[in-house]
Amino acid sequence: MARLKVTQKKGIVGEKHSARETLRTLGLKRIGDVVVKEDRPEIRGMVRTVRHLVVVEEVE
């Protein structure tokens, strides 16, 4: 199964509470943090919510 590498590129200062909680749920705490998650619809939806704060790459 494919995996997604999610990297936080921008901070959460000034963001809505839902965006902050989504980043926390993904496991991102600060700029430069990287997590690798399975490519599932739930994860894609969370990434779409904070797409202006993160960079996503597909990895195997």
Protein backbone atom coordinates (compact mmCIF):
# COMPACT_ATOMS: atom_id res chain seq x y z
CA MET A 1 0.00 0.00 0.00
CA ALA A 2 1.21 3.51 -0.79
CA ARG A 3 2.23 5.90 1.94
CA LEU A 4 2.15 9.67 2.24
CA LYS A 5 5.03 11.71 3.62
CA VAL A 6 3.56 14.85 5.20
CA THR A 7 5.87 17.74 6.11
CA GLN A 8 4.72 20.84 7.98
CA LYS A 9 6.02 23.93 6.17
CA LYS A 10 4.15 26.78 7.86
CA GLY A 11 3.27 27.60 11.45
CA ILE A 12 -0.16 27.53 13.07
CA VAL A 13 -0.16 31.06 14.49
CA GLY A 14 -3.35 32.77 13.33
CA GLU A 15 -4.94 29.56 12.04
CA LYS A 16 -8.39 28.35 12.97
CA HIS A 17 -8.77 25.90 15.82
CA SER A 18 -9.82 23.12 13.43
CA ALA A 19 -6.59 23.47 11.41
CA ARG A 20 -4.52 23.31 14.61
CA GLU A 21 -6.33 20.19 15.76
CA THR A 22 -5.95 18.54 12.35
CA LEU A 23 -2.18 19.08 12.41
CA ARG A 24 -2.03 17.67 15.93
CA THR A 25 -4.07 14.63 14.84
CA LEU A 26 -1.66 14.04 11.96
CA GLY A 27 1.19 14.09 14.48
CA LEU A 28 2.74 17.41 13.44
CA LYS A 29 3.81 19.81 16.18
CA ARG A 30 6.23 22.30 14.63
CA ILE A 31 7.62 23.52 11.34
CA GLY A 32 9.83 20.88 9.75
CA ASP A 33 8.13 17.90 11.40
CA VAL A 34 7.66 14.90 9.09
CA VAL A 35 5.25 11.98 9.45
CA VAL A 36 4.61 9.03 7.15
CA LYS A 37 1.00 7.83 7.05
CA GLU A 38 -0.83 5.19 5.06
CA ASP A 39 -2.65 6.53 2.01
CA ARG A 40 -6.26 6.28 3.20
CA PRO A 41 -9.26 8.52 2.49
CA GLU A 42 -9.28 9.76 6.11
CA ILE A 43 -5.67 10.91 5.90
CA ARG A 44 -6.23 12.49 2.47
CA GLY A 45 -9.15 14.47 3.91
CA MET A 46 -7.07 15.74 6.83
CA VAL A 47 -4.25 16.74 4.49
CA ARG A 48 -6.72 18.55 2.24
CA THR A 49 -7.94 20.55 5.25
CA VAL A 50 -4.44 21.86 6.00
CA ARG A 51 -3.01 21.81 2.47
CA HIS A 52 -1.83 25.43 2.84
CA LEU A 53 0.39 24.43 5.79
CA VAL A 54 1.92 21.15 4.60
CA VAL A 55 3.73 19.53 1.69
CA VAL A 56 2.75 15.98 0.70
CA GLU A 57 4.81 13.38 -1.17
CA GLU A 58 3.98 9.78 -2.05
CA VAL A 59 6.53 7.20 -0.89
CA GLU A 60 6.64 3.43 -0.91
